Amino acid sequence: MFFRLKVEGEDYVPASNGVIFASNHISLLDPPVIGIATTRELNYLAKAELFDQSILGWIITGLNAFPVKRGGIDRNALKKMVGLLRRGKALLLFPEGTRSKRGELGRAKSGVGMLALKTETPVVPVHISGSKSFFRVALGREKMWVKFGQPLLPADFRLSADHRCDYQLLVQQVMSKIKTLAQEKEFPRDCC
């Protein structure tokens, strides 16, 4: 109630089994807000430097975050994600790999596609808005919105002998779906 959070598309969220939620990323509030918007318990990555700060590291670990080293392939983080998905857990990822300062969708990395295809896990596109305007939301001038889209199934993206092309194709479709969710009429124009 305090954040005036509006959630749409909850019926697209699988109730069980491994699932990847792939969202745009505009604020540090995105992981907990998306976590509140779904009935699934989410696990998510956070840059390793955040875990060096004792209180913040302790808090985000308690919220199911685990560290990832940026700037290359972090094999430990990859193993953790694969294990979580194979055990039927939900994982929140941001395909762009970082927050967008202007709120626009940027170029996505192929990691979401690779992870989805390797684990045969569906990907639910998610669009969040309003989380960057915390004070406007707290003052009741703006709402936070989370919208879930129809899951993309990895079986639909095994199209070539080159797996890297398949990874990229899947993540491009995810980003296209996120963009479509942002443009749908239910979102007020001033928050997208």
N, C-alpha and C. Protein backbone atom coordinates (compact mmCIF):
# COMPACT_ATOMS: atom_id res chain seq x y z
N MET A 1 0.82 -1.20 0.00
CA MET A 1 0.00 0.00 0.00
C MET A 1 0.86 1.26 0.00
N PHE A 2 1.94 1.24 0.80
CA PHE A 2 2.81 2.40 0.90
C PHE A 2 3.40 2.77 -0.45
N PHE A 3 3.80 1.76 -1.23
CA PHE A 3 4.42 2.02 -2.52
C PHE A 3 3.41 2.14 -3.66
N ARG A 4 2.13 1.95 -3.37
CA ARG A 4 1.08 2.04 -4.39
C ARG A 4 1.44 1.14 -5.58
N LEU A 5 1.87 -0.08 -5.28
CA LEU A 5 2.33 -1.01 -6.30
C LEU A 5 1.16 -1.61 -7.06
N LYS A 6 1.24 -1.54 -8.38
CA LYS A 6 0.24 -2.15 -9.25
C LYS A 6 0.93 -3.30 -9.98
N VAL A 7 0.29 -4.47 -9.95
CA VAL A 7 0.86 -5.66 -10.57
C VAL A 7 -0.11 -6.19 -11.60
N GLU A 8 0.42 -6.53 -12.77
CA GLU A 8 -0.40 -7.10 -13.84
C GLU A 8 0.29 -8.35 -14.39
N GLY A 9 -0.52 -9.29 -14.87
CA GLY A 9 0.00 -10.49 -15.51
C GLY A 9 0.46 -11.57 -14.57
N GLU A 10 0.01 -11.53 -13.32
CA GLU A 10 0.43 -12.55 -12.34
C GLU A 10 0.10 -13.96 -12.80
N ASP A 11 -0.95 -14.09 -13.62
CA ASP A 11 -1.36 -15.42 -14.09
C ASP A 11 -0.32 -16.03 -15.04
N TYR A 12 0.63 -15.25 -15.53
CA TYR A 12 1.71 -15.79 -16.36
C TYR A 12 2.85 -16.40 -15.55
N VAL A 13 2.84 -16.18 -14.25
CA VAL A 13 3.92 -16.67 -13.40
C VAL A 13 3.68 -18.14 -13.07
N PRO A 14 4.59 -19.05 -13.49
CA PRO A 14 4.42 -20.47 -13.15
C PRO A 14 4.46 -20.66 -11.64
N ALA A 15 3.55 -21.48 -11.12
CA ALA A 15 3.45 -21.70 -9.68
C ALA A 15 4.56 -22.58 -9.14
N SER A 16 5.17 -23.38 -10.00
CA SER A 16 6.24 -24.28 -9.55
C SER A 16 7.25 -24.47 -10.68
N ASN A 17 8.28 -25.22 -10.40
CA ASN A 17 9.38 -25.52 -11.31
C ASN A 17 10.27 -24.30 -11.53
N GLY A 18 11.44 -24.55 -12.07
CA GLY A 18 12.40 -23.49 -12.31
C GLY A 18 11.88 -22.48 -13.31
N VAL A 19 12.15 -21.23 -13.06
CA VAL A 19 11.73 -20.15 -13.97
C VAL A 19 12.71 -18.98 -13.83
N ILE A 20 12.96 -18.34 -14.97
CA ILE A 20 13.79 -17.14 -14.99
C ILE A 20 12.87 -15.95 -15.22
N PHE A 21 12.93 -14.97 -14.34
CA PHE A 21 12.26 -13.69 -14.55
C PHE A 21 13.32 -12.76 -15.13
N ALA A 22 13.05 -12.19 -16.30
CA ALA A 22 14.00 -11.29 -16.95
C ALA A 22 13.36 -9.91 -17.03
N SER A 23 13.99 -8.94 -16.38
CA SER A 23 13.38 -7.61 -16.25
C SER A 23 14.32 -6.50 -16.68
N ASN A 24 13.69 -5.37 -17.05
CA ASN A 24 14.47 -4.14 -17.19
C ASN A 24 14.96 -3.78 -15.79
N HIS A 25 15.94 -2.88 -15.71
CA HIS A 25 16.55 -2.57 -14.41
C HIS A 25 16.81 -1.07 -14.34
N ILE A 26 16.08 -0.39 -13.44
CA ILE A 26 16.21 1.06 -13.34
C ILE A 26 16.58 1.56 -11.95
N SER A 27 16.50 0.66 -10.94
CA SER A 27 16.72 1.11 -9.57
C SER A 27 17.19 -0.05 -8.69
N LEU A 28 17.85 0.29 -7.60
CA LEU A 28 18.22 -0.72 -6.62
C LEU A 28 16.99 -1.37 -5.97
N LEU A 29 15.85 -0.70 -6.07
CA LEU A 29 14.61 -1.25 -5.51
C LEU A 29 13.98 -2.34 -6.37
N ASP A 30 14.44 -2.51 -7.60
CA ASP A 30 13.81 -3.46 -8.51
C ASP A 30 13.72 -4.88 -7.96
N PRO A 31 14.81 -5.48 -7.45
CA PRO A 31 14.68 -6.85 -6.95
C PRO A 31 13.63 -7.03 -5.85
N PRO A 32 13.65 -6.20 -4.79
CA PRO A 32 12.62 -6.42 -3.77
C PRO A 32 11.20 -6.10 -4.25
N VAL A 33 11.06 -5.11 -5.12
CA VAL A 33 9.71 -4.76 -5.61
C VAL A 33 9.17 -5.90 -6.48
N ILE A 34 9.99 -6.44 -7.36
CA ILE A 34 9.54 -7.57 -8.18
C ILE A 34 9.27 -8.77 -7.28
N GLY A 35 10.08 -8.95 -6.25
CA GLY A 35 9.84 -10.04 -5.28
C GLY A 35 8.51 -9.90 -4.57
N ILE A 36 8.12 -8.68 -4.25
CA ILE A 36 6.83 -8.44 -3.61
C ILE A 36 5.68 -8.69 -4.59
N ALA A 37 5.94 -8.43 -5.87
CA ALA A 37 4.88 -8.53 -6.89
C ALA A 37 4.54 -9.97 -7.27
N THR A 38 5.37 -10.92 -6.91
CA THR A 38 5.11 -12.31 -7.26
C THR A 38 4.99 -13.18 -6.01
N THR A 39 4.29 -14.28 -6.16
CA THR A 39 4.16 -15.22 -5.05
C THR A 39 5.37 -16.15 -4.97
N ARG A 40 6.21 -16.16 -5.99
CA ARG A 40 7.41 -16.99 -5.99
C ARG A 40 8.51 -16.34 -5.18
N GLU A 41 9.28 -17.14 -4.46
CA GLU A 41 10.46 -16.64 -3.76
C GLU A 41 11.58 -16.51 -4.78
N LEU A 42 12.14 -15.32 -4.90
CA LEU A 42 13.14 -15.06 -5.93
C LEU A 42 14.56 -15.15 -5.39
N ASN A 43 15.46 -15.57 -6.27
CA ASN A 43 16.90 -15.54 -6.04
C ASN A 43 17.45 -14.60 -7.10
N TYR A 44 18.50 -13.86 -6.77
CA TYR A 44 19.04 -12.94 -7.76
C TYR A 44 20.51 -12.66 -7.52
N LEU A 45 21.14 -12.17 -8.58
CA LEU A 45 22.55 -11.80 -8.56
C LEU A 45 22.71 -10.37 -8.07
N ALA A 46 23.83 -10.12 -7.43
CA ALA A 46 24.21 -8.76 -7.08
C ALA A 46 25.72 -8.66 -7.27
N LYS A 47 26.17 -7.50 -7.68
CA LYS A 47 27.61 -7.37 -7.92
C LYS A 47 28.38 -7.66 -6.63
N ALA A 48 29.51 -8.35 -6.79
CA ALA A 48 30.28 -8.85 -5.65
C ALA A 48 30.67 -7.74 -4.67
N GLU A 49 30.89 -6.52 -5.17
CA GLU A 49 31.31 -5.42 -4.30
C GLU A 49 30.28 -5.11 -3.21
N LEU A 50 29.01 -5.38 -3.48
CA LEU A 50 27.97 -5.09 -2.48
C LEU A 50 28.10 -5.99 -1.25
N PHE A 51 28.70 -7.16 -1.42
CA PHE A 51 28.85 -8.10 -0.31
C PHE A 51 30.03 -7.74 0.58
N ASP A 52 30.87 -6.81 0.13
CA ASP A 52 32.01 -6.35 0.93
C ASP A 52 31.56 -5.40 2.04
N GLN A 53 30.38 -4.82 1.88
CA GLN A 53 29.83 -3.93 2.90
C GLN A 53 29.04 -4.78 3.88
N SER A 54 29.51 -4.89 5.11
CA SER A 54 29.00 -5.89 6.04
C SER A 54 27.48 -5.86 6.23
N ILE A 55 26.90 -4.72 6.51
CA ILE A 55 25.46 -4.67 6.77
C ILE A 55 24.67 -4.92 5.49
N LEU A 56 25.03 -4.23 4.41
CA LEU A 56 24.32 -4.43 3.14
C LEU A 56 24.49 -5.86 2.65
N GLY A 57 25.70 -6.39 2.73
CA GLY A 57 25.94 -7.78 2.32
C GLY A 57 25.08 -8.76 3.10
N TRP A 58 24.96 -8.53 4.39
CA TRP A 58 24.15 -9.40 5.25
C TRP A 58 22.67 -9.30 4.85
N ILE A 59 22.20 -8.09 4.60
CA ILE A 59 20.79 -7.88 4.23
C ILE A 59 20.47 -8.55 2.90
N ILE A 60 21.28 -8.30 1.89
CA ILE A 60 20.94 -8.85 0.57
C ILE A 60 21.15 -10.37 0.51
N THR A 61 22.06 -10.90 1.32
CA THR A 61 22.19 -12.36 1.40
C THR A 61 20.91 -12.94 1.99
N GLY A 62 20.34 -12.28 2.98
CA GLY A 62 19.08 -12.71 3.58
C GLY A 62 17.90 -12.62 2.62
N LEU A 63 18.05 -11.81 1.57
CA LEU A 63 17.01 -11.66 0.56
C LEU A 63 17.28 -12.55 -0.67
N ASN A 64 18.11 -13.57 -0.49
CA ASN A 64 18.43 -14.56 -1.53
C ASN A 64 19.32 -14.04 -2.65
N ALA A 65 20.13 -13.03 -2.37
CA ALA A 65 21.09 -12.56 -3.37
C ALA A 65 22.38 -13.36 -3.21
N PHE A 66 23.08 -13.52 -4.31
CA PHE A 66 24.40 -14.12 -4.27
C PHE A 66 25.31 -13.33 -5.20
N PRO A 67 26.63 -13.32 -4.89
CA PRO A 67 27.54 -12.44 -5.63
C PRO A 67 27.88 -12.95 -7.02
N VAL A 68 28.12 -11.98 -7.91
CA VAL A 68 28.64 -12.26 -9.24
C VAL A 68 29.78 -11.29 -9.50
N LYS A 69 30.88 -11.82 -10.03
CA LYS A 69 32.00 -10.98 -10.43
C LYS A 69 31.71 -10.48 -11.83
N ARG A 70 31.77 -9.18 -12.00
CA ARG A 70 31.44 -8.59 -13.29
C ARG A 70 32.69 -8.51 -14.17
N GLY A 71 32.45 -8.39 -15.47
CA GLY A 71 33.55 -8.23 -16.40
C GLY A 71 34.02 -9.53 -17.04
N GLY A 72 33.31 -10.58 -16.88
CA GLY A 72 33.69 -11.86 -17.47
C GLY A 72 32.71 -12.93 -17.04
N ILE A 73 33.07 -14.17 -17.26
CA ILE A 73 32.21 -15.29 -16.85
C ILE A 73 32.57 -15.69 -15.43
N ASP A 74 31.61 -15.63 -14.54
CA ASP A 74 31.80 -16.06 -13.16
C ASP A 74 31.24 -17.47 -13.05
N ARG A 75 32.13 -18.45 -13.09
CA ARG A 75 31.70 -19.86 -13.10
C ARG A 75 30.97 -20.27 -11.82
N ASN A 76 31.37 -19.69 -10.69
CA ASN A 76 30.68 -20.02 -9.43
C ASN A 76 29.23 -19.53 -9.46
N ALA A 77 29.03 -18.31 -9.95
CA ALA A 77 27.67 -17.77 -10.04
C ALA A 77 26.85 -18.59 -11.04
N LEU A 78 27.47 -18.98 -12.15
CA LEU A 78 26.79 -19.79 -13.16
C LEU A 78 26.34 -21.14 -12.58
N LYS A 79 27.23 -21.79 -11.84
CA LYS A 79 26.88 -23.07 -11.19
C LYS A 79 25.72 -22.89 -10.22
N LYS A 80 25.77 -21.81 -9.46
CA LYS A 80 24.70 -21.53 -8.49
C LYS A 80 23.36 -21.34 -9.21
N MET A 81 23.35 -20.58 -10.30
CA MET A 81 22.11 -20.34 -11.04
C MET A 81 21.56 -21.63 -11.64
N VAL A 82 22.43 -22.42 -12.25
CA VAL A 82 21.99 -23.70 -12.84
C VAL A 82 21.40 -24.60 -11.75
N GLY A 83 22.08 -24.67 -10.61
CA GLY A 83 21.58 -25.49 -9.51
C GLY A 83 20.22 -25.04 -9.00
N LEU A 84 20.05 -23.74 -8.84
CA LEU A 84 18.77 -23.21 -8.38
C LEU A 84 17.64 -23.57 -9.35
N LEU A 85 17.88 -23.36 -10.64
CA LEU A 85 16.85 -23.63 -11.64
C LEU A 85 16.51 -25.11 -11.71
N ARG A 86 17.51 -25.95 -11.62
CA ARG A 86 17.27 -27.40 -11.67
C ARG A 86 16.55 -27.90 -10.42
N ARG A 87 16.65 -27.17 -9.32
CA ARG A 87 15.92 -27.53 -8.10
C ARG A 87 14.53 -26.89 -8.06
N GLY A 88 14.12 -26.26 -9.16
CA GLY A 88 12.78 -25.71 -9.25
C GLY A 88 12.61 -24.33 -8.66
N LYS A 89 13.69 -23.60 -8.48
CA LYS A 89 13.64 -22.27 -7.89
C LYS A 89 13.42 -21.20 -8.97
N ALA A 90 13.07 -20.00 -8.51
CA ALA A 90 12.87 -18.85 -9.40
C ALA A 90 14.07 -17.93 -9.30
N LEU A 91 14.51 -17.44 -10.45
CA LEU A 91 15.70 -16.60 -10.53
C LEU A 91 15.35 -15.31 -11.25
N LEU A 92 15.69 -14.17 -10.65
CA LEU A 92 15.48 -12.87 -11.27
C LEU A 92 16.79 -12.39 -11.88
N LEU A 93 16.76 -12.10 -13.19
CA LEU A 93 17.95 -11.61 -13.88
C LEU A 93 17.61 -10.34 -14.64
N PHE A 94 18.63 -9.52 -14.82
CA PHE A 94 18.49 -8.30 -15.60
C PHE A 94 19.38 -8.48 -16.84
N PRO A 95 18.78 -8.76 -18.01
CA PRO A 95 19.56 -9.10 -19.20
C PRO A 95 20.60 -8.06 -19.61
N GLU A 96 20.36 -6.80 -19.27
CA GLU A 96 21.32 -5.75 -19.63
C GLU A 96 22.56 -5.79 -18.73
N GLY A 97 22.44 -6.43 -17.58
CA GLY A 97 23.58 -6.57 -16.68
C GLY A 97 23.83 -5.40 -15.76
N THR A 98 23.11 -4.30 -15.93
CA THR A 98 23.30 -3.13 -15.10
C THR A 98 22.04 -2.25 -15.17
N ARG A 99 21.96 -1.28 -14.27
CA ARG A 99 20.82 -0.37 -14.28
C ARG A 99 20.93 0.62 -15.43
N SER A 100 19.77 1.02 -15.92
CA SER A 100 19.71 2.06 -16.95
C SER A 100 19.46 3.39 -16.26
N LYS A 101 20.38 4.30 -16.41
CA LYS A 101 20.25 5.60 -15.75
C LYS A 101 19.10 6.43 -16.30
N ARG A 102 18.79 6.24 -17.58
CA ARG A 102 17.71 7.02 -18.20
C ARG A 102 16.42 6.22 -18.32
N GLY A 103 16.42 4.99 -17.87
CA GLY A 103 15.21 4.19 -17.91
C GLY A 103 14.91 3.54 -19.25
N GLU A 104 15.81 3.70 -20.21
CA GLU A 104 15.61 3.11 -21.53
C GLU A 104 16.23 1.72 -21.56
N LEU A 105 15.65 0.85 -22.39
CA LEU A 105 16.23 -0.48 -22.54
C LEU A 105 17.53 -0.37 -23.31
N GLY A 106 18.54 -1.05 -22.79
CA GLY A 106 19.84 -1.06 -23.44
C GLY A 106 20.08 -2.39 -24.15
N ARG A 107 21.32 -2.63 -24.47
CA ARG A 107 21.69 -3.86 -25.16
C ARG A 107 21.81 -4.99 -24.14
N ALA A 108 21.15 -6.09 -24.43
CA ALA A 108 21.17 -7.24 -23.52
C ALA A 108 22.34 -8.15 -23.84
N LYS A 109 22.82 -8.79 -22.80
CA LYS A 109 23.86 -9.82 -22.95
C LYS A 109 23.16 -11.16 -23.16
N SER A 110 23.87 -12.13 -23.66
CA SER A 110 23.25 -13.41 -24.02
C SER A 110 23.09 -14.37 -22.85
N GLY A 111 23.48 -13.98 -21.63
CA GLY A 111 23.45 -14.89 -20.48
C GLY A 111 22.09 -15.48 -20.17
N VAL A 112 21.03 -14.69 -20.26
CA VAL A 112 19.68 -15.20 -19.99
C VAL A 112 19.34 -16.30 -20.99
N GLY A 113 19.67 -16.08 -22.26
CA GLY A 113 19.40 -17.09 -23.28
C GLY A 113 20.18 -18.35 -23.04
N MET A 114 21.45 -18.22 -22.71
CA MET A 114 22.29 -19.39 -22.44
C MET A 114 21.75 -20.18 -21.27
N LEU A 115 21.43 -19.50 -20.19
CA LEU A 115 20.95 -20.17 -18.99
C LEU A 115 19.61 -20.86 -19.23
N ALA A 116 18.71 -20.20 -19.94
CA ALA A 116 17.40 -20.78 -20.22
C ALA A 116 17.53 -22.03 -21.08
N LEU A 117 18.37 -21.96 -22.11
CA LEU A 117 18.51 -23.11 -23.01
C LEU A 117 19.26 -24.26 -22.35
N LYS A 118 20.28 -23.96 -21.57
CA LYS A 118 21.04 -25.03 -20.89
C LYS A 118 20.20 -25.77 -19.86
N THR A 119 19.31 -25.05 -19.19
CA THR A 119 18.50 -25.67 -18.14
C THR A 119 17.08 -25.99 -18.59
N GLU A 120 16.75 -25.62 -19.84
CA GLU A 120 15.40 -25.81 -20.38
C GLU A 120 14.34 -25.19 -19.47
N THR A 121 14.61 -23.94 -19.10
CA THR A 121 13.77 -23.20 -18.17
C THR A 121 13.03 -22.09 -18.90
N PRO A 122 11.72 -21.93 -18.65
CA PRO A 122 11.00 -20.81 -19.27
C PRO A 122 11.47 -19.46 -18.73
N VAL A 123 11.31 -18.45 -19.57
CA VAL A 123 11.70 -17.08 -19.20
C VAL A 123 10.45 -16.22 -19.21
N VAL A 124 10.16 -15.60 -18.06
CA VAL A 124 9.03 -14.68 -17.95
C VAL A 124 9.56 -13.26 -18.09
N PRO A 125 9.16 -12.55 -19.16
CA PRO A 125 9.58 -11.14 -19.28
C PRO A 125 8.84 -10.28 -18.25
N VAL A 126 9.55 -9.31 -17.70
CA VAL A 126 8.98 -8.44 -16.66
C VAL A 126 9.34 -7.00 -17.00
N HIS A 127 8.37 -6.11 -16.84
CA HIS A 127 8.66 -4.68 -16.96
C HIS A 127 8.30 -4.01 -15.64
N ILE A 128 9.24 -3.21 -15.14
CA ILE A 128 9.00 -2.45 -13.90
C ILE A 128 9.16 -0.97 -14.21
N SER A 129 8.31 -0.16 -13.61
CA SER A 129 8.45 1.29 -13.74
C SER A 129 8.08 1.93 -12.41
N GLY A 130 8.58 3.13 -12.20
CA GLY A 130 8.28 3.88 -10.98
C GLY A 130 9.25 3.65 -9.84
N SER A 131 10.05 2.59 -9.90
CA SER A 131 10.95 2.30 -8.78
C SER A 131 12.09 3.31 -8.67
N LYS A 132 12.36 4.02 -9.73
CA LYS A 132 13.41 5.03 -9.70
C LYS A 132 12.93 6.31 -9.00
N SER A 133 11.64 6.48 -8.92
CA SER A 133 11.04 7.69 -8.34
C SER A 133 10.52 7.42 -6.93
N PHE A 134 11.37 6.87 -6.07
CA PHE A 134 10.95 6.45 -4.74
C PHE A 134 10.22 7.55 -3.98
N PHE A 135 10.76 8.76 -3.97
CA PHE A 135 10.14 9.83 -3.19
C PHE A 135 8.81 10.28 -3.78
N ARG A 136 8.71 10.31 -5.11
CA ARG A 136 7.43 10.65 -5.75
C ARG A 136 6.39 9.58 -5.43
N VAL A 137 6.82 8.33 -5.38
CA VAL A 137 5.92 7.23 -5.04
C VAL A 137 5.50 7.36 -3.58
N ALA A 138 6.47 7.60 -2.70
CA ALA A 138 6.18 7.73 -1.26
C ALA A 138 5.23 8.89 -0.97
N LEU A 139 5.30 9.94 -1.79
CA LEU A 139 4.42 11.09 -1.61
C LEU A 139 3.07 10.91 -2.32
N GLY A 140 2.89 9.79 -2.98
CA GLY A 140 1.61 9.51 -3.63
C GLY A 140 1.45 10.16 -4.99
N ARG A 141 2.53 10.66 -5.57
CA ARG A 141 2.46 11.33 -6.87
C ARG A 141 2.66 10.39 -8.05
N GLU A 142 3.13 9.21 -7.77
CA GLU A 142 3.41 8.24 -8.84
C GLU A 142 3.22 6.84 -8.27
N LYS A 143 2.98 5.87 -9.15
CA LYS A 143 2.85 4.47 -8.74
C LYS A 143 4.00 3.66 -9.28
N MET A 144 4.27 2.58 -8.59
CA MET A 144 5.18 1.58 -9.12
C MET A 144 4.35 0.54 -9.84
N TRP A 145 4.85 0.09 -10.98
CA TRP A 145 4.15 -0.89 -11.79
C TRP A 145 5.07 -2.07 -12.06
N VAL A 146 4.55 -3.27 -11.93
CA VAL A 146 5.26 -4.47 -12.35
C VAL A 146 4.30 -5.24 -13.24
N LYS A 147 4.78 -5.57 -14.43
CA LYS A 147 3.94 -6.30 -15.36
C LYS A 147 4.69 -7.54 -15.84
N PHE A 148 4.06 -8.70 -15.67
CA PHE A 148 4.63 -9.96 -16.11
C PHE A 148 4.05 -10.31 -17.47
N GLY A 149 4.89 -10.84 -18.36
CA GLY A 149 4.44 -11.26 -19.68
C GLY A 149 4.39 -12.77 -19.80
N GLN A 150 3.87 -13.22 -20.90
CA GLN A 150 3.76 -14.65 -21.17
C GLN A 150 5.16 -15.26 -21.27
N PRO A 151 5.37 -16.41 -20.61
CA PRO A 151 6.70 -17.04 -20.64
C PRO A 151 7.13 -17.43 -22.05
N LEU A 152 8.42 -17.29 -22.29
CA LEU A 152 9.04 -17.78 -23.52
C LEU A 152 9.62 -19.15 -23.20
N LEU A 153 9.35 -20.12 -24.05
CA LEU A 153 9.80 -21.49 -23.82
C LEU A 153 11.07 -21.78 -24.60
N PRO A 154 12.11 -22.28 -23.95
CA PRO A 154 13.38 -22.52 -24.62
C PRO A 154 13.27 -23.45 -25.83
N ALA A 155 12.37 -24.41 -25.81
CA ALA A 155 12.23 -25.33 -26.94
C ALA A 155 11.93 -24.60 -28.24
N ASP A 156 11.33 -23.42 -28.15
CA ASP A 156 11.01 -22.64 -29.35
C ASP A 156 12.23 -21.93 -29.94
N PHE A 157 13.37 -22.00 -29.26
CA PHE A 157 14.54 -21.23 -29.70
C PHE A 157 15.74 -22.10 -30.06
N ARG A 158 15.57 -23.37 -30.18
CA ARG A 158 16.65 -24.25 -30.65
C ARG A 158 16.56 -24.33 -32.16
N LEU A 159 17.13 -23.35 -32.80
CA LEU A 159 16.92 -23.21 -34.23
C LEU A 159 18.16 -23.48 -35.07
N SER A 160 19.33 -23.41 -34.49
CA SER A 160 20.54 -23.53 -35.30
C SER A 160 21.56 -24.45 -34.64
N ALA A 161 22.59 -24.78 -35.39
CA ALA A 161 23.69 -25.58 -34.84
C ALA A 161 24.59 -24.72 -33.96
N ASP A 162 24.49 -23.42 -34.12
CA ASP A 162 25.31 -22.49 -33.34
C ASP A 162 24.51 -22.05 -32.11
N HIS A 163 24.84 -22.63 -30.98
CA HIS A 163 24.09 -22.32 -29.75
C HIS A 163 24.16 -20.84 -29.38
N ARG A 164 25.26 -20.19 -29.70
CA ARG A 164 25.38 -18.77 -29.37
C ARG A 164 24.34 -17.94 -30.10
N CYS A 165 24.03 -18.32 -31.31
CA CYS A 165 22.96 -17.62 -32.06
C CYS A 165 21.62 -17.84 -31.37
N ASP A 166 21.39 -19.07 -30.91
CA ASP A 166 20.14 -19.37 -30.21
C ASP A 166 20.03 -18.55 -28.92
N TYR A 167 21.15 -18.45 -28.16
CA TYR A 167 21.16 -17.66 -26.93
C TYR A 167 20.77 -16.21 -27.23
N GLN A 168 21.38 -15.66 -28.26
CA GLN A 168 21.13 -14.27 -28.61
C GLN A 168 19.70 -14.07 -29.12
N LEU A 169 19.21 -15.01 -29.90
CA LEU A 169 17.84 -14.93 -30.41
C LEU A 169 16.84 -14.92 -29.26
N LEU A 170 17.04 -15.80 -28.29
CA LEU A 170 16.11 -15.86 -27.16
C LEU A 170 16.15 -14.56 -26.37
N VAL A 171 17.33 -14.05 -26.08
CA VAL A 171 17.41 -12.82 -25.28
C VAL A 171 16.86 -11.63 -26.05
N GLN A 172 17.01 -11.60 -27.37
CA GLN A 172 16.41 -10.53 -28.16
C GLN A 172 14.89 -10.58 -28.08
N GLN A 173 14.33 -11.78 -28.09
CA GLN A 173 12.88 -11.93 -27.95
C GLN A 173 12.41 -11.47 -26.57
N VAL A 174 13.20 -11.81 -25.54
CA VAL A 174 12.87 -11.38 -24.18
C VAL A 174 12.85 -9.86 -24.12
N MET A 175 13.86 -9.20 -24.67
CA MET A 175 13.92 -7.74 -24.64
C MET A 175 12.78 -7.13 -25.43
N SER A 176 12.42 -7.76 -26.54
CA SER A 176 11.29 -7.29 -27.33
C SER A 176 9.99 -7.36 -26.53
N LYS A 177 9.83 -8.45 -25.77
CA LYS A 177 8.62 -8.61 -24.94
C LYS A 177 8.60 -7.59 -23.81
N ILE A 178 9.76 -7.32 -23.22
CA ILE A 178 9.83 -6.31 -22.16
C ILE A 178 9.44 -4.94 -22.73
N LYS A 179 9.94 -4.63 -23.91
CA LYS A 179 9.60 -3.36 -24.56
C LYS A 179 8.10 -3.28 -24.84
N THR A 180 7.51 -4.38 -25.30
CA THR A 180 6.07 -4.42 -25.55
C THR A 180 5.29 -4.20 -24.27
N LEU A 181 5.71 -4.84 -23.17
CA LEU A 181 5.04 -4.64 -21.88
C LEU A 181 5.09 -3.18 -21.46
N ALA A 182 6.21 -2.52 -21.73
CA ALA A 182 6.37 -1.09 -21.36
C ALA A 182 5.44 -0.20 -22.15
N GLN A 183 5.11 -0.60 -23.37
CA GLN A 183 4.31 0.24 -24.25
C GLN A 183 2.81 -0.04 -24.17
N GLU A 184 2.41 -1.08 -23.47
CA GLU A 184 0.98 -1.41 -23.40
C GLU A 184 0.21 -0.35 -22.65
N LYS A 185 -1.04 -0.18 -23.01
CA LYS A 185 -1.87 0.93 -22.55
C LYS A 185 -2.05 1.02 -21.04
N GLU A 186 -1.96 -0.09 -20.31
CA GLU A 186 -2.23 -0.05 -18.88
C GLU A 186 -1.25 0.85 -18.13
N PHE A 187 -0.05 1.02 -18.67
CA PHE A 187 0.94 1.85 -18.00
C PHE A 187 0.67 3.31 -18.32
N PRO A 188 0.66 4.19 -17.31
CA PRO A 188 0.50 5.60 -17.58
C PRO A 188 1.73 6.11 -18.35
N ARG A 189 1.52 7.06 -19.23
CA ARG A 189 2.61 7.55 -20.08
C ARG A 189 3.78 8.15 -19.30
N ASP A 190 3.50 8.77 -18.17
CA ASP A 190 4.59 9.46 -17.46
C ASP A 190 5.51 8.52 -16.70
N CYS A 191 5.16 7.22 -16.60
CA CYS A 191 6.04 6.35 -15.82
C CYS A 191 6.85 5.42 -16.69
N CYS A 192 6.69 5.45 -17.97
CA CYS A 192 7.46 4.52 -18.82
C CYS A 192 8.51 5.27 -19.53
